[in-house]
Structures are given as structure tokens and as C-alpha cells.
Amino acid sequence: MSWLWFIIVGAVSGWLAGNIMRGGGFGLLMNIVVGVIGALIGGWVFDLLGIGVGNGLIGSLITALVGAILLLWIISLLKRK
């Protein structure tokens, strides 16, 4: 996947995760950061579980979205303490 698609998928997945977890996005730059880190986390978790989502655009978006939701959930747990 080219870097442009990686950034676009990161931005979209970060925005979607922000809307799901807290009711709004974080701004373009933070959406990209959350989405890219989420893609790394999602890929790692899916690999651990042996789940193959696919290598296309939709598979990448699902992986990044699940990872971004996990990231935001973990951050919310740490903020409470």
C-alpha cells in the first residue's frame, strides 16, 4: 500500500474510532496518528489471533479501525486511574 493510502486509511479509521469511542474526531493530524497506531495494533492483534481480514482497502480499514478502537479504549482506562 502506498504511503498516501496508508495516511488516508489512518485518517478515516482514526475519525471513525473517535466517533465510536467519544462522539467526535480529534482533528486531522490526531486522526491520522490514532489511525496509523491503530493499524499497527490491529495488525498485531489479528496476527496473534490468527484472523485474516484481507489485504485490500476494506481489510486495511477494518484492521486499523479495530486497532484504533482498542487504542482509545486502553487510553480511556489509563485516564481513569
C-alpha atoms as a PDB file:
ATOM      1  CA  MET A   1       0.000   0.000   0.000  1.00  0.00           C
ATOM      2  CA  SER A   2       1.379   3.406  -0.852  1.00  0.00           C
ATOM      3  CA  TRP A   3       2.046   5.965   1.854  1.00  0.00           C
ATOM      4  CA  LEU A   4      -0.834   8.119   0.620  1.00  0.00           C
ATOM      5  CA  TRP A   5      -3.323   5.277   1.077  1.00  0.00           C
ATOM      6  CA  PHE A   6      -1.776   4.480   4.471  1.00  0.00           C
ATOM      7  CA  ILE A   7      -2.371   8.079   5.591  1.00  0.00           C
ATOM      8  CA  ILE A   8      -5.912   8.149   4.155  1.00  0.00           C
ATOM      9  CA  VAL A   9      -6.826   4.849   5.845  1.00  0.00           C
ATOM     10  CA  GLY A  10      -5.281   6.153   9.078  1.00  0.00           C
ATOM     11  CA  ALA A  11      -7.273   9.379   8.920  1.00  0.00           C
ATOM     12  CA  VAL A  12     -10.563   7.621   8.177  1.00  0.00           C
ATOM     13  CA  SER A  13     -10.083   4.913  10.801  1.00  0.00           C
ATOM     14  CA  GLY A  14      -8.970   7.470  13.418  1.00  0.00           C
ATOM     15  CA  TRP A  15     -12.010   9.604  12.689  1.00  0.00           C
ATOM     16  CA  LEU A  16     -14.373   6.611  12.837  1.00  0.00           C
ATOM     17  CA  ALA A  17     -12.820   5.336  16.073  1.00  0.00           C
ATOM     18  CA  GLY A  18     -13.091   8.806  17.601  1.00  0.00           C
ATOM     19  CA  ASN A  19     -16.764   8.969  16.676  1.00  0.00           C
ATOM     20  CA  ILE A  20     -17.434   5.496  18.042  1.00  0.00           C
ATOM     21  CA  MET A  21     -15.496   5.884  21.290  1.00  0.00           C
ATOM     22  CA  ARG A  22     -16.022   9.507  22.255  1.00  0.00           C
ATOM     23  CA  GLY A  23     -18.576  11.024  19.909  1.00  0.00           C
ATOM     24  CA  GLY A  24     -16.215  13.041  17.715  1.00  0.00           C
ATOM     25  CA  GLY A  25     -12.924  13.061  15.892  1.00  0.00           C
ATOM     26  CA  PHE A  26      -9.636  14.536  17.104  1.00  0.00           C
ATOM     27  CA  GLY A  27      -8.698  16.759  14.189  1.00  0.00           C
ATOM     28  CA  LEU A  28      -6.951  15.649  11.022  1.00  0.00           C
ATOM     29  CA  LEU A  29      -3.436  15.177  12.391  1.00  0.00           C
ATOM     30  CA  MET A  30      -4.511  13.286  15.510  1.00  0.00           C
ATOM     31  CA  ASN A  31      -6.955  11.177  13.477  1.00  0.00           C
ATOM     32  CA  ILE A  32      -4.035  10.115  11.278  1.00  0.00           C
ATOM     33  CA  VAL A  33      -1.850   9.353  14.312  1.00  0.00           C
ATOM     34  CA  VAL A  34      -4.599   7.356  16.045  1.00  0.00           C
ATOM     35  CA  GLY A  35      -5.391   5.506  12.815  1.00  0.00           C
ATOM     36  CA  VAL A  36      -1.781   4.638  11.987  1.00  0.00           C
ATOM     37  CA  ILE A  37      -1.030   3.440  15.522  1.00  0.00           C
ATOM     38  CA  GLY A  38      -4.362   1.605  15.421  1.00  0.00           C
ATOM     39  CA  ALA A  39      -3.344  -0.112  12.192  1.00  0.00           C
ATOM     40  CA  LEU A  40      -0.181  -1.376  13.847  1.00  0.00           C
ATOM     41  CA  ILE A  41      -2.088  -2.567  16.932  1.00  0.00           C
ATOM     42  CA  GLY A  42      -4.873  -4.114  14.851  1.00  0.00           C
ATOM     43  CA  GLY A  43      -2.419  -5.972  12.643  1.00  0.00           C
ATOM     44  CA  TRP A  44      -0.580  -7.295  15.687  1.00  0.00           C
ATOM     45  CA  VAL A  45      -3.785  -8.406  17.459  1.00  0.00           C
ATOM     46  CA  PHE A  46      -5.250 -10.051  14.357  1.00  0.00           C
ATOM     47  CA  ASP A  47      -1.955 -11.829  13.764  1.00  0.00           C
ATOM     48  CA  LEU A  48      -1.922 -13.108  17.359  1.00  0.00           C
ATOM     49  CA  LEU A  49      -5.482 -14.382  16.992  1.00  0.00           C
ATOM     50  CA  GLY A  50      -4.813 -15.889  13.565  1.00  0.00           C
ATOM     51  CA  ILE A  51      -7.508 -13.782  11.931  1.00  0.00           C
ATOM     52  CA  GLY A  52      -7.012 -12.802   8.320  1.00  0.00           C
ATOM     53  CA  VAL A  53      -9.097  -9.797   7.329  1.00  0.00           C
ATOM     54  CA  GLY A  54      -7.632  -9.380   3.870  1.00  0.00           C
ATOM     55  CA  ASN A  55      -5.080  -7.165   2.215  1.00  0.00           C
ATOM     56  CA  GLY A  56      -7.391  -4.825   0.317  1.00  0.00           C
ATOM     57  CA  LEU A  57      -8.588  -1.367   1.226  1.00  0.00           C
ATOM     58  CA  ILE A  58     -11.573  -2.639   3.227  1.00  0.00           C
ATOM     59  CA  GLY A  59      -9.421  -5.155   5.129  1.00  0.00           C
ATOM     60  CA  SER A  60      -6.896  -2.452   5.954  1.00  0.00           C
ATOM     61  CA  LEU A  61      -9.643  -0.107   7.110  1.00  0.00           C
ATOM     62  CA  ILE A  62     -11.199  -2.776   9.346  1.00  0.00           C
ATOM     63  CA  THR A  63      -7.822  -3.671  10.837  1.00  0.00           C
ATOM     64  CA  ALA A  64      -6.941  -0.028  11.509  1.00  0.00           C
ATOM     65  CA  LEU A  65     -10.405   0.712  12.921  1.00  0.00           C
ATOM     66  CA  VAL A  66     -10.328  -2.210  15.356  1.00  0.00           C
ATOM     67  CA  GLY A  67      -6.809  -1.280  16.444  1.00  0.00           C
ATOM     68  CA  ALA A  68      -7.730   2.392  16.879  1.00  0.00           C
ATOM     69  CA  ILE A  69     -10.760   1.454  18.982  1.00  0.00           C
ATOM     70  CA  LEU A  70      -8.535  -0.753  21.144  1.00  0.00           C
ATOM     71  CA  LEU A  71      -6.026   2.090  21.480  1.00  0.00           C
ATOM     72  CA  LEU A  72      -8.678   4.591  22.555  1.00  0.00           C
ATOM     73  CA  TRP A  73     -10.200   2.074  24.979  1.00  0.00           C
ATOM     74  CA  ILE A  74      -6.812   1.447  26.623  1.00  0.00           C
ATOM     75  CA  ILE A  75      -6.157   5.187  26.860  1.00  0.00           C
ATOM     76  CA  SER A  76      -9.559   5.727  28.485  1.00  0.00           C
ATOM     77  CA  LEU A  77      -8.758   3.024  31.059  1.00  0.00           C
ATOM     78  CA  LEU A  78      -5.430   4.664  31.883  1.00  0.00           C
ATOM     79  CA  LYS A  79      -7.008   8.138  32.186  1.00  0.00           C
ATOM     80  CA  ARG A  80      -9.498   6.939  34.804  1.00  0.00           C
ATOM     81  CA  LYS A  81      -6.769   5.865  37.208  1.00  0.00           C
END
